[in-house]
N, C-alpha and C. Protein backbone atom coordinates (compact mmCIF):
# COMPACT_ATOMS: atom_id res chain seq x y z
N UNK A 1 -10.32 1.00 18.67
CA UNK A 1 -11.15 0.70 17.50
C UNK A 1 -11.59 -0.76 17.55
N UNK A 2 -12.88 -0.99 17.39
CA UNK A 2 -13.39 -2.36 17.37
C UNK A 2 -13.36 -2.89 15.94
N UNK A 3 -12.41 -3.75 15.66
CA UNK A 3 -12.27 -4.31 14.34
C UNK A 3 -12.89 -5.70 14.31
N UNK A 4 -13.78 -5.92 13.35
CA UNK A 4 -14.40 -7.23 13.18
C UNK A 4 -13.83 -7.86 11.92
N UNK A 5 -13.29 -9.05 12.07
CA UNK A 5 -12.76 -9.80 10.94
C UNK A 5 -13.55 -11.08 10.79
N UNK A 6 -13.79 -11.47 9.54
CA UNK A 6 -14.46 -12.74 9.26
C UNK A 6 -13.46 -13.62 8.52
N UNK A 7 -13.17 -14.78 9.12
CA UNK A 7 -12.14 -15.67 8.61
C UNK A 7 -12.72 -17.08 8.46
N UNK A 8 -12.42 -17.73 7.34
CA UNK A 8 -12.89 -19.09 7.11
C UNK A 8 -12.30 -20.01 8.17
N UNK A 9 -13.15 -20.84 8.76
CA UNK A 9 -12.72 -21.74 9.84
C UNK A 9 -12.07 -22.99 9.28
N UNK A 10 -11.26 -23.62 10.13
CA UNK A 10 -10.61 -24.88 9.81
C UNK A 10 -11.04 -25.92 10.85
N UNK A 11 -10.72 -27.18 10.59
CA UNK A 11 -11.05 -28.24 11.54
C UNK A 11 -10.42 -27.95 12.90
N UNK A 12 -9.28 -27.30 12.92
CA UNK A 12 -8.61 -26.97 14.19
C UNK A 12 -9.41 -25.96 15.03
N UNK A 13 -10.42 -25.34 14.43
CA UNK A 13 -11.28 -24.40 15.16
C UNK A 13 -12.47 -25.10 15.83
N UNK A 14 -12.48 -26.41 15.79
CA UNK A 14 -13.62 -27.19 16.31
C UNK A 14 -14.02 -26.80 17.73
N UNK A 15 -13.06 -26.73 18.63
CA UNK A 15 -13.38 -26.46 20.03
C UNK A 15 -14.05 -25.09 20.19
N UNK A 16 -13.55 -24.11 19.47
CA UNK A 16 -14.13 -22.75 19.51
C UNK A 16 -15.55 -22.76 18.98
N UNK A 17 -15.76 -23.44 17.85
CA UNK A 17 -17.09 -23.52 17.24
C UNK A 17 -18.06 -24.23 18.19
N UNK A 18 -17.61 -25.30 18.80
CA UNK A 18 -18.47 -26.04 19.72
C UNK A 18 -18.85 -25.19 20.93
N UNK A 19 -17.89 -24.48 21.49
CA UNK A 19 -18.15 -23.64 22.66
C UNK A 19 -19.18 -22.55 22.32
N UNK A 20 -18.98 -21.87 21.21
CA UNK A 20 -19.91 -20.81 20.81
C UNK A 20 -21.28 -21.39 20.47
N UNK A 21 -21.30 -22.54 19.81
CA UNK A 21 -22.57 -23.18 19.45
C UNK A 21 -23.41 -23.46 20.69
N UNK A 22 -22.80 -24.08 21.67
CA UNK A 22 -23.53 -24.45 22.89
C UNK A 22 -23.98 -23.21 23.64
N UNK A 23 -23.06 -22.26 23.83
CA UNK A 23 -23.41 -21.06 24.59
C UNK A 23 -24.54 -20.28 23.89
N UNK A 24 -24.42 -20.10 22.59
CA UNK A 24 -25.43 -19.33 21.85
C UNK A 24 -26.76 -20.05 21.84
N UNK A 25 -26.73 -21.37 21.66
CA UNK A 25 -27.97 -22.15 21.64
C UNK A 25 -28.69 -22.01 22.98
N UNK A 26 -27.96 -22.12 24.07
CA UNK A 26 -28.56 -21.99 25.40
C UNK A 26 -29.10 -20.57 25.59
N UNK A 27 -28.30 -19.56 25.23
CA UNK A 27 -28.73 -18.17 25.39
C UNK A 27 -30.01 -17.87 24.61
N UNK A 28 -30.13 -18.47 23.44
CA UNK A 28 -31.27 -18.17 22.56
C UNK A 28 -32.51 -18.97 22.91
N UNK A 29 -32.34 -20.23 23.28
CA UNK A 29 -33.51 -21.12 23.35
C UNK A 29 -33.83 -21.70 24.72
N UNK A 30 -32.94 -21.60 25.70
CA UNK A 30 -33.17 -22.27 26.99
C UNK A 30 -34.40 -21.73 27.72
N UNK A 31 -34.67 -20.45 27.61
CA UNK A 31 -35.79 -19.86 28.35
C UNK A 31 -37.15 -20.32 27.83
N UNK A 32 -37.18 -20.82 26.60
CA UNK A 32 -38.47 -21.17 25.98
C UNK A 32 -38.57 -22.65 25.60
N UNK A 33 -37.66 -23.46 26.14
CA UNK A 33 -37.70 -24.90 25.91
C UNK A 33 -37.35 -25.62 27.20
N UNK A 34 -37.70 -26.89 27.28
CA UNK A 34 -37.38 -27.64 28.49
C UNK A 34 -35.88 -27.92 28.55
N UNK A 35 -35.32 -27.99 29.77
CA UNK A 35 -33.90 -28.33 29.90
C UNK A 35 -33.56 -29.66 29.22
N UNK A 36 -34.48 -30.62 29.28
CA UNK A 36 -34.24 -31.92 28.65
C UNK A 36 -34.08 -31.78 27.14
N UNK A 37 -34.97 -30.97 26.53
CA UNK A 37 -34.89 -30.80 25.07
C UNK A 37 -33.65 -30.02 24.66
N UNK A 38 -33.24 -29.06 25.46
CA UNK A 38 -32.01 -28.31 25.18
C UNK A 38 -30.81 -29.26 25.27
N UNK A 39 -30.73 -30.03 26.36
CA UNK A 39 -29.62 -30.97 26.54
C UNK A 39 -29.58 -31.99 25.41
N UNK A 40 -30.75 -32.50 25.05
CA UNK A 40 -30.86 -33.49 23.99
C UNK A 40 -30.32 -32.92 22.67
N UNK A 41 -30.71 -31.69 22.34
CA UNK A 41 -30.26 -31.07 21.09
C UNK A 41 -28.74 -30.90 21.11
N UNK A 42 -28.20 -30.41 22.20
CA UNK A 42 -26.75 -30.19 22.30
C UNK A 42 -26.01 -31.51 22.16
N UNK A 43 -26.47 -32.55 22.87
CA UNK A 43 -25.80 -33.85 22.81
C UNK A 43 -25.84 -34.46 21.42
N UNK A 44 -26.97 -34.27 20.70
CA UNK A 44 -27.12 -34.90 19.39
C UNK A 44 -26.55 -34.08 18.23
N UNK A 45 -26.54 -32.76 18.35
CA UNK A 45 -26.20 -31.91 17.21
C UNK A 45 -24.93 -31.10 17.36
N UNK A 46 -24.48 -30.91 18.59
CA UNK A 46 -23.31 -30.05 18.81
C UNK A 46 -22.17 -30.80 19.48
N UNK A 47 -22.20 -32.12 19.35
CA UNK A 47 -21.12 -32.94 19.93
C UNK A 47 -19.89 -32.89 19.01
N UNK A 48 -18.77 -33.32 19.54
CA UNK A 48 -17.49 -33.25 18.82
C UNK A 48 -17.54 -34.02 17.50
N UNK A 49 -18.07 -35.23 17.52
CA UNK A 49 -18.11 -36.05 16.29
C UNK A 49 -18.96 -35.38 15.21
N UNK A 50 -20.13 -34.88 15.59
CA UNK A 50 -21.03 -34.25 14.62
C UNK A 50 -20.39 -33.00 14.03
N UNK A 51 -19.84 -32.14 14.87
CA UNK A 51 -19.23 -30.91 14.36
C UNK A 51 -17.98 -31.19 13.53
N UNK A 52 -17.24 -32.23 13.87
CA UNK A 52 -16.08 -32.62 13.07
C UNK A 52 -16.53 -33.06 11.68
N UNK A 53 -17.59 -33.85 11.62
CA UNK A 53 -18.15 -34.29 10.34
C UNK A 53 -18.57 -33.08 9.51
N UNK A 54 -19.24 -32.11 10.14
CA UNK A 54 -19.68 -30.91 9.43
C UNK A 54 -18.48 -30.11 8.92
N UNK A 55 -17.47 -29.94 9.75
CA UNK A 55 -16.27 -29.19 9.35
C UNK A 55 -15.53 -29.86 8.20
N UNK A 56 -15.59 -31.18 8.14
CA UNK A 56 -14.89 -31.93 7.08
C UNK A 56 -15.71 -32.08 5.81
N UNK A 57 -16.97 -31.67 5.82
CA UNK A 57 -17.83 -31.81 4.64
C UNK A 57 -17.42 -30.76 3.59
N UNK A 58 -17.05 -31.22 2.41
CA UNK A 58 -16.59 -30.27 1.38
C UNK A 58 -17.69 -29.32 0.91
N UNK A 59 -18.96 -29.68 1.17
CA UNK A 59 -20.07 -28.82 0.77
C UNK A 59 -20.55 -27.89 1.88
N UNK A 60 -19.82 -27.85 2.99
CA UNK A 60 -20.14 -26.94 4.08
C UNK A 60 -18.95 -26.03 4.34
N UNK A 61 -19.24 -24.82 4.78
CA UNK A 61 -18.18 -23.87 5.13
C UNK A 61 -18.58 -23.15 6.42
N UNK A 62 -17.59 -22.95 7.26
CA UNK A 62 -17.76 -22.19 8.50
C UNK A 62 -16.90 -20.94 8.41
N UNK A 63 -17.42 -19.83 8.93
CA UNK A 63 -16.67 -18.58 9.00
C UNK A 63 -16.77 -18.05 10.42
N UNK A 64 -15.63 -17.70 11.01
CA UNK A 64 -15.59 -17.17 12.36
C UNK A 64 -15.57 -15.65 12.32
N UNK A 65 -16.30 -15.04 13.25
CA UNK A 65 -16.28 -13.58 13.41
C UNK A 65 -15.41 -13.25 14.61
N UNK A 66 -14.36 -12.51 14.35
CA UNK A 66 -13.43 -12.08 15.39
C UNK A 66 -13.65 -10.61 15.68
N UNK A 67 -13.78 -10.27 16.94
CA UNK A 67 -13.83 -8.88 17.39
C UNK A 67 -12.59 -8.67 18.26
N UNK A 68 -11.67 -7.84 17.78
CA UNK A 68 -10.41 -7.63 18.50
C UNK A 68 -9.76 -8.96 18.89
N UNK A 69 -9.70 -9.87 17.94
CA UNK A 69 -9.03 -11.18 18.07
C UNK A 69 -9.77 -12.18 18.95
N UNK A 70 -10.98 -11.85 19.41
CA UNK A 70 -11.80 -12.80 20.17
C UNK A 70 -12.93 -13.29 19.26
N UNK A 71 -13.13 -14.62 19.22
CA UNK A 71 -14.22 -15.16 18.40
C UNK A 71 -15.54 -14.89 19.13
N UNK A 72 -16.45 -14.19 18.45
CA UNK A 72 -17.71 -13.79 19.07
C UNK A 72 -18.93 -14.35 18.33
N UNK A 73 -18.68 -15.07 17.25
CA UNK A 73 -19.79 -15.66 16.50
C UNK A 73 -19.27 -16.43 15.31
N UNK A 74 -20.19 -17.12 14.63
CA UNK A 74 -19.79 -17.81 13.42
C UNK A 74 -20.99 -18.03 12.51
N UNK A 75 -20.64 -18.44 11.32
CA UNK A 75 -21.60 -18.68 10.26
C UNK A 75 -21.33 -20.07 9.71
N UNK A 76 -22.40 -20.82 9.41
CA UNK A 76 -22.24 -22.10 8.72
C UNK A 76 -23.16 -22.08 7.51
N UNK A 77 -22.57 -22.36 6.34
CA UNK A 77 -23.37 -22.43 5.12
C UNK A 77 -23.19 -23.81 4.47
N UNK A 78 -24.21 -24.20 3.70
CA UNK A 78 -24.20 -25.49 3.03
C UNK A 78 -24.56 -25.33 1.56
N UNK A 79 -23.86 -26.10 0.73
CA UNK A 79 -24.16 -26.18 -0.70
C UNK A 79 -24.57 -27.62 -1.03
N UNK A 80 -25.21 -27.80 -2.18
CA UNK A 80 -25.47 -29.14 -2.71
C UNK A 80 -26.08 -30.08 -1.69
N UNK A 81 -25.45 -31.26 -1.60
CA UNK A 81 -25.99 -32.33 -0.74
C UNK A 81 -25.88 -32.04 0.75
N UNK A 82 -25.09 -31.06 1.13
CA UNK A 82 -24.96 -30.73 2.56
C UNK A 82 -26.16 -29.95 3.08
N UNK A 83 -26.99 -29.42 2.17
CA UNK A 83 -28.15 -28.66 2.62
C UNK A 83 -29.08 -29.57 3.43
N UNK A 84 -29.70 -29.00 4.44
CA UNK A 84 -30.54 -29.81 5.33
C UNK A 84 -31.86 -30.21 4.68
N UNK A 85 -32.21 -29.56 3.59
CA UNK A 85 -33.39 -29.94 2.81
C UNK A 85 -33.04 -29.82 1.33
N UNK A 86 -33.63 -30.68 0.52
CA UNK A 86 -33.41 -30.59 -0.92
C UNK A 86 -34.46 -29.66 -1.48
N UNK A 87 -34.06 -28.43 -1.73
CA UNK A 87 -34.98 -27.43 -2.25
C UNK A 87 -34.59 -27.07 -3.67
N UNK A 88 -33.31 -26.84 -3.87
CA UNK A 88 -32.81 -26.44 -5.18
C UNK A 88 -31.31 -26.69 -5.16
N UNK A 89 -30.80 -27.40 -6.17
CA UNK A 89 -29.36 -27.68 -6.22
C UNK A 89 -28.53 -26.40 -6.32
N UNK A 90 -29.10 -25.39 -6.96
CA UNK A 90 -28.33 -24.15 -7.17
C UNK A 90 -28.71 -23.10 -6.13
N UNK A 91 -28.69 -23.54 -4.88
CA UNK A 91 -29.00 -22.64 -3.76
C UNK A 91 -27.93 -22.81 -2.70
N UNK A 92 -27.90 -21.88 -1.80
CA UNK A 92 -26.96 -21.89 -0.68
C UNK A 92 -27.82 -21.78 0.58
N UNK A 93 -27.56 -22.64 1.54
CA UNK A 93 -28.31 -22.61 2.81
C UNK A 93 -27.46 -21.99 3.90
N UNK A 94 -28.07 -21.07 4.64
CA UNK A 94 -27.46 -20.60 5.88
C UNK A 94 -28.02 -21.52 6.97
N UNK A 95 -27.17 -22.38 7.51
CA UNK A 95 -27.65 -23.27 8.58
C UNK A 95 -27.56 -22.59 9.94
N UNK A 96 -26.51 -21.78 10.13
CA UNK A 96 -26.36 -21.10 11.42
C UNK A 96 -25.69 -19.74 11.24
N UNK A 97 -26.26 -18.75 11.88
CA UNK A 97 -25.54 -17.52 12.18
C UNK A 97 -25.68 -17.38 13.69
N UNK A 98 -24.60 -17.66 14.39
CA UNK A 98 -24.61 -17.62 15.85
C UNK A 98 -23.70 -16.49 16.32
N UNK A 99 -24.25 -15.58 17.10
CA UNK A 99 -23.47 -14.50 17.69
C UNK A 99 -23.73 -14.53 19.20
N UNK A 100 -22.66 -14.51 19.98
CA UNK A 100 -22.81 -14.53 21.44
C UNK A 100 -23.66 -13.34 21.88
N UNK A 101 -24.53 -13.58 22.85
CA UNK A 101 -25.50 -12.57 23.30
C UNK A 101 -24.84 -11.25 23.71
N UNK A 102 -23.68 -11.32 24.36
CA UNK A 102 -22.99 -10.10 24.79
C UNK A 102 -22.57 -9.21 23.63
N UNK A 103 -22.60 -9.76 22.41
CA UNK A 103 -22.14 -9.02 21.24
C UNK A 103 -23.28 -8.71 20.27
N UNK A 104 -24.53 -8.96 20.69
CA UNK A 104 -25.68 -8.56 19.87
C UNK A 104 -25.67 -7.04 19.74
N UNK A 105 -26.15 -6.54 18.61
CA UNK A 105 -26.24 -5.11 18.40
C UNK A 105 -24.92 -4.46 17.98
N UNK A 106 -23.92 -5.28 17.69
CA UNK A 106 -22.62 -4.74 17.28
C UNK A 106 -22.35 -4.99 15.79
N UNK A 107 -23.41 -5.31 15.03
CA UNK A 107 -23.33 -5.45 13.57
C UNK A 107 -22.65 -6.75 13.13
N UNK A 108 -22.38 -7.66 14.05
CA UNK A 108 -21.66 -8.88 13.70
C UNK A 108 -22.51 -9.80 12.83
N UNK A 109 -23.77 -10.00 13.22
CA UNK A 109 -24.67 -10.81 12.40
C UNK A 109 -24.81 -10.25 10.99
N UNK A 110 -24.89 -8.93 10.89
CA UNK A 110 -25.00 -8.28 9.57
C UNK A 110 -23.75 -8.53 8.73
N UNK A 111 -22.59 -8.44 9.34
CA UNK A 111 -21.35 -8.69 8.60
C UNK A 111 -21.26 -10.15 8.15
N UNK A 112 -21.71 -11.07 8.99
CA UNK A 112 -21.73 -12.48 8.59
C UNK A 112 -22.71 -12.69 7.43
N UNK A 113 -23.87 -12.07 7.51
CA UNK A 113 -24.84 -12.19 6.43
C UNK A 113 -24.32 -11.55 5.14
N UNK A 114 -23.65 -10.42 5.25
CA UNK A 114 -23.05 -9.78 4.07
C UNK A 114 -22.02 -10.71 3.43
N UNK A 115 -21.29 -11.45 4.25
CA UNK A 115 -20.31 -12.43 3.73
C UNK A 115 -21.04 -13.51 2.93
N UNK A 116 -22.18 -13.99 3.44
CA UNK A 116 -22.96 -15.00 2.72
C UNK A 116 -23.43 -14.45 1.37
N UNK A 117 -23.89 -13.21 1.37
CA UNK A 117 -24.35 -12.60 0.11
C UNK A 117 -23.22 -12.56 -0.91
N UNK A 118 -22.01 -12.20 -0.48
CA UNK A 118 -20.85 -12.18 -1.39
C UNK A 118 -20.57 -13.58 -1.92
N UNK A 119 -20.60 -14.56 -1.03
CA UNK A 119 -20.34 -15.94 -1.43
C UNK A 119 -21.42 -16.39 -2.42
N UNK A 120 -22.67 -16.03 -2.14
CA UNK A 120 -23.76 -16.39 -3.05
C UNK A 120 -23.55 -15.81 -4.44
N UNK A 121 -23.15 -14.57 -4.51
CA UNK A 121 -22.90 -13.93 -5.81
C UNK A 121 -21.69 -14.58 -6.50
N UNK A 122 -20.64 -14.85 -5.75
CA UNK A 122 -19.42 -15.43 -6.33
C UNK A 122 -19.61 -16.87 -6.79
N UNK A 123 -20.57 -17.59 -6.22
CA UNK A 123 -20.80 -18.99 -6.59
C UNK A 123 -22.00 -19.13 -7.54
N UNK A 124 -22.59 -18.00 -7.92
CA UNK A 124 -23.70 -17.99 -8.89
C UNK A 124 -24.90 -18.83 -8.48
N UNK A 125 -25.22 -18.86 -7.18
CA UNK A 125 -26.44 -19.55 -6.77
C UNK A 125 -27.65 -18.68 -7.13
N UNK A 126 -28.80 -19.32 -7.25
CA UNK A 126 -30.03 -18.58 -7.56
C UNK A 126 -30.53 -17.82 -6.34
N UNK A 127 -30.40 -18.46 -5.18
CA UNK A 127 -30.85 -17.81 -3.96
C UNK A 127 -30.19 -18.40 -2.72
N UNK A 128 -30.32 -17.66 -1.64
CA UNK A 128 -29.85 -18.08 -0.31
C UNK A 128 -31.11 -18.38 0.50
N UNK A 129 -31.11 -19.45 1.24
CA UNK A 129 -32.27 -19.79 2.05
C UNK A 129 -31.84 -20.22 3.44
N UNK A 130 -32.82 -20.24 4.35
CA UNK A 130 -32.58 -20.66 5.73
C UNK A 130 -33.90 -21.01 6.38
N UNK A 131 -33.80 -21.70 7.51
CA UNK A 131 -34.97 -21.98 8.34
C UNK A 131 -34.80 -21.26 9.66
N UNK A 132 -35.87 -20.62 10.12
CA UNK A 132 -35.79 -19.90 11.40
C UNK A 132 -37.07 -20.21 12.19
N UNK A 133 -36.91 -20.50 13.47
CA UNK A 133 -38.05 -20.82 14.32
C UNK A 133 -39.02 -19.66 14.32
N UNK A 134 -40.29 -19.97 14.15
CA UNK A 134 -41.31 -18.92 14.05
C UNK A 134 -41.42 -18.07 15.31
N UNK A 135 -40.90 -18.56 16.44
CA UNK A 135 -40.93 -17.79 17.68
C UNK A 135 -39.64 -16.99 17.93
N UNK A 136 -38.69 -17.10 17.03
CA UNK A 136 -37.43 -16.35 17.17
C UNK A 136 -37.61 -15.00 16.47
N UNK A 137 -38.31 -14.11 17.15
CA UNK A 137 -38.72 -12.84 16.55
C UNK A 137 -37.54 -11.95 16.20
N UNK A 138 -36.50 -11.98 17.00
CA UNK A 138 -35.31 -11.17 16.71
C UNK A 138 -34.71 -11.59 15.37
N UNK A 139 -34.56 -12.90 15.16
CA UNK A 139 -33.99 -13.40 13.91
C UNK A 139 -34.92 -13.10 12.73
N UNK A 140 -36.21 -13.27 12.94
CA UNK A 140 -37.17 -12.99 11.85
C UNK A 140 -37.09 -11.53 11.42
N UNK A 141 -37.00 -10.61 12.38
CA UNK A 141 -36.87 -9.18 12.04
C UNK A 141 -35.58 -8.93 11.27
N UNK A 142 -34.51 -9.56 11.71
CA UNK A 142 -33.20 -9.38 11.07
C UNK A 142 -33.24 -9.85 9.61
N UNK A 143 -33.78 -11.03 9.37
CA UNK A 143 -33.80 -11.56 7.99
C UNK A 143 -34.78 -10.79 7.12
N UNK A 144 -35.92 -10.40 7.67
CA UNK A 144 -36.89 -9.61 6.91
C UNK A 144 -36.27 -8.26 6.51
N UNK A 145 -35.56 -7.63 7.45
CA UNK A 145 -34.88 -6.36 7.17
C UNK A 145 -33.87 -6.53 6.03
N UNK A 146 -33.34 -7.72 5.88
CA UNK A 146 -32.36 -8.02 4.84
C UNK A 146 -33.00 -8.63 3.59
N UNK A 147 -34.30 -8.40 3.42
CA UNK A 147 -35.04 -8.78 2.20
C UNK A 147 -35.30 -10.27 2.03
N UNK A 148 -35.15 -11.05 3.08
CA UNK A 148 -35.55 -12.45 3.00
C UNK A 148 -37.07 -12.52 3.09
N UNK A 149 -37.68 -13.45 2.34
CA UNK A 149 -39.12 -13.63 2.38
C UNK A 149 -39.45 -15.09 2.68
N UNK A 150 -40.52 -15.30 3.41
CA UNK A 150 -40.97 -16.65 3.74
C UNK A 150 -41.52 -17.31 2.48
N UNK A 151 -41.08 -18.55 2.23
CA UNK A 151 -41.60 -19.28 1.07
C UNK A 151 -42.18 -20.64 1.44
N UNK A 152 -41.96 -21.08 2.66
CA UNK A 152 -42.49 -22.37 3.09
C UNK A 152 -42.24 -22.51 4.58
N UNK A 153 -42.59 -23.66 5.14
CA UNK A 153 -42.28 -23.94 6.53
C UNK A 153 -42.09 -25.44 6.68
N UNK A 154 -41.46 -25.84 7.78
CA UNK A 154 -41.31 -27.26 8.06
C UNK A 154 -41.29 -27.48 9.57
N UNK A 155 -41.48 -28.72 9.95
CA UNK A 155 -41.46 -29.09 11.36
C UNK A 155 -40.02 -29.36 11.77
N UNK A 156 -39.66 -28.79 12.91
CA UNK A 156 -38.34 -29.01 13.50
C UNK A 156 -38.60 -29.68 14.85
N UNK A 157 -37.98 -30.82 15.07
CA UNK A 157 -38.16 -31.51 16.35
C UNK A 157 -37.12 -31.02 17.35
N UNK A 158 -37.62 -30.40 18.41
CA UNK A 158 -36.76 -29.97 19.52
C UNK A 158 -37.01 -30.99 20.63
N UNK A 159 -36.21 -32.05 20.61
CA UNK A 159 -36.43 -33.14 21.55
C UNK A 159 -37.77 -33.79 21.25
N UNK A 160 -38.69 -33.72 22.21
CA UNK A 160 -40.00 -34.35 22.01
C UNK A 160 -41.07 -33.34 21.59
N UNK A 161 -40.67 -32.12 21.26
CA UNK A 161 -41.63 -31.07 20.93
C UNK A 161 -41.52 -30.68 19.45
N UNK A 162 -42.68 -30.64 18.79
CA UNK A 162 -42.72 -30.17 17.41
C UNK A 162 -42.73 -28.65 17.39
N UNK A 163 -41.83 -28.07 16.62
CA UNK A 163 -41.81 -26.62 16.44
C UNK A 163 -41.84 -26.33 14.95
N UNK A 164 -42.28 -25.14 14.59
CA UNK A 164 -42.36 -24.77 13.18
C UNK A 164 -41.25 -23.80 12.83
N UNK A 165 -40.48 -24.18 11.83
CA UNK A 165 -39.48 -23.29 11.27
C UNK A 165 -40.06 -22.67 9.99
N UNK A 166 -39.90 -21.38 9.85
CA UNK A 166 -40.26 -20.71 8.60
C UNK A 166 -39.04 -20.78 7.70
N UNK A 167 -39.27 -21.17 6.45
CA UNK A 167 -38.19 -21.20 5.47
C UNK A 167 -38.24 -19.85 4.73
N UNK A 168 -37.09 -19.19 4.70
CA UNK A 168 -37.00 -17.86 4.10
C UNK A 168 -35.93 -17.89 3.01
N UNK A 169 -36.11 -17.06 2.00
CA UNK A 169 -35.12 -17.02 0.92
C UNK A 169 -34.86 -15.60 0.46
N UNK A 170 -33.69 -15.44 -0.12
CA UNK A 170 -33.25 -14.19 -0.70
C UNK A 170 -32.78 -14.50 -2.11
N UNK A 171 -33.45 -13.94 -3.10
CA UNK A 171 -33.04 -14.15 -4.49
C UNK A 171 -31.74 -13.38 -4.74
N UNK A 172 -30.82 -14.04 -5.43
CA UNK A 172 -29.52 -13.43 -5.73
C UNK A 172 -29.51 -12.85 -7.13
N UNK A 173 -30.18 -13.54 -8.07
CA UNK A 173 -30.11 -13.11 -9.48
C UNK A 173 -31.25 -12.19 -9.84
């Protein structure tokens, strides 16, 4: 039986989170970005110091997805000042849902998103929002299927290249 468990991460999970972050980022974006821009993003955003800061932020939470005791993905959410954009104080941001490519199609992303929805309801936020690259069609289909709607967009710098992220939201109330 394939049992998937979602458990809140601790600072001691840093190495696991970093490993999955780098592997998933490369699997998702390396084919459509320059190696320099991929390396630059990993060095600036997925380094030990940065991830430690994120794990220690009281307004951020990480959740690990375990499949038969192996970590196969994770979720990072932000509240309040930890949100990457100031859109609404009473909102929750999904900054990352990362699932290793070998485990796509096994409902792990859906279970992580369902966890966010529960957290959103339990914390009485007005809505859940996220940014997703307009060329990440798999993610766009996933969020649209889950009733997220585009409400804005912003520029995301991938190294020296401007990319457009679509901002999507799901009303909770």
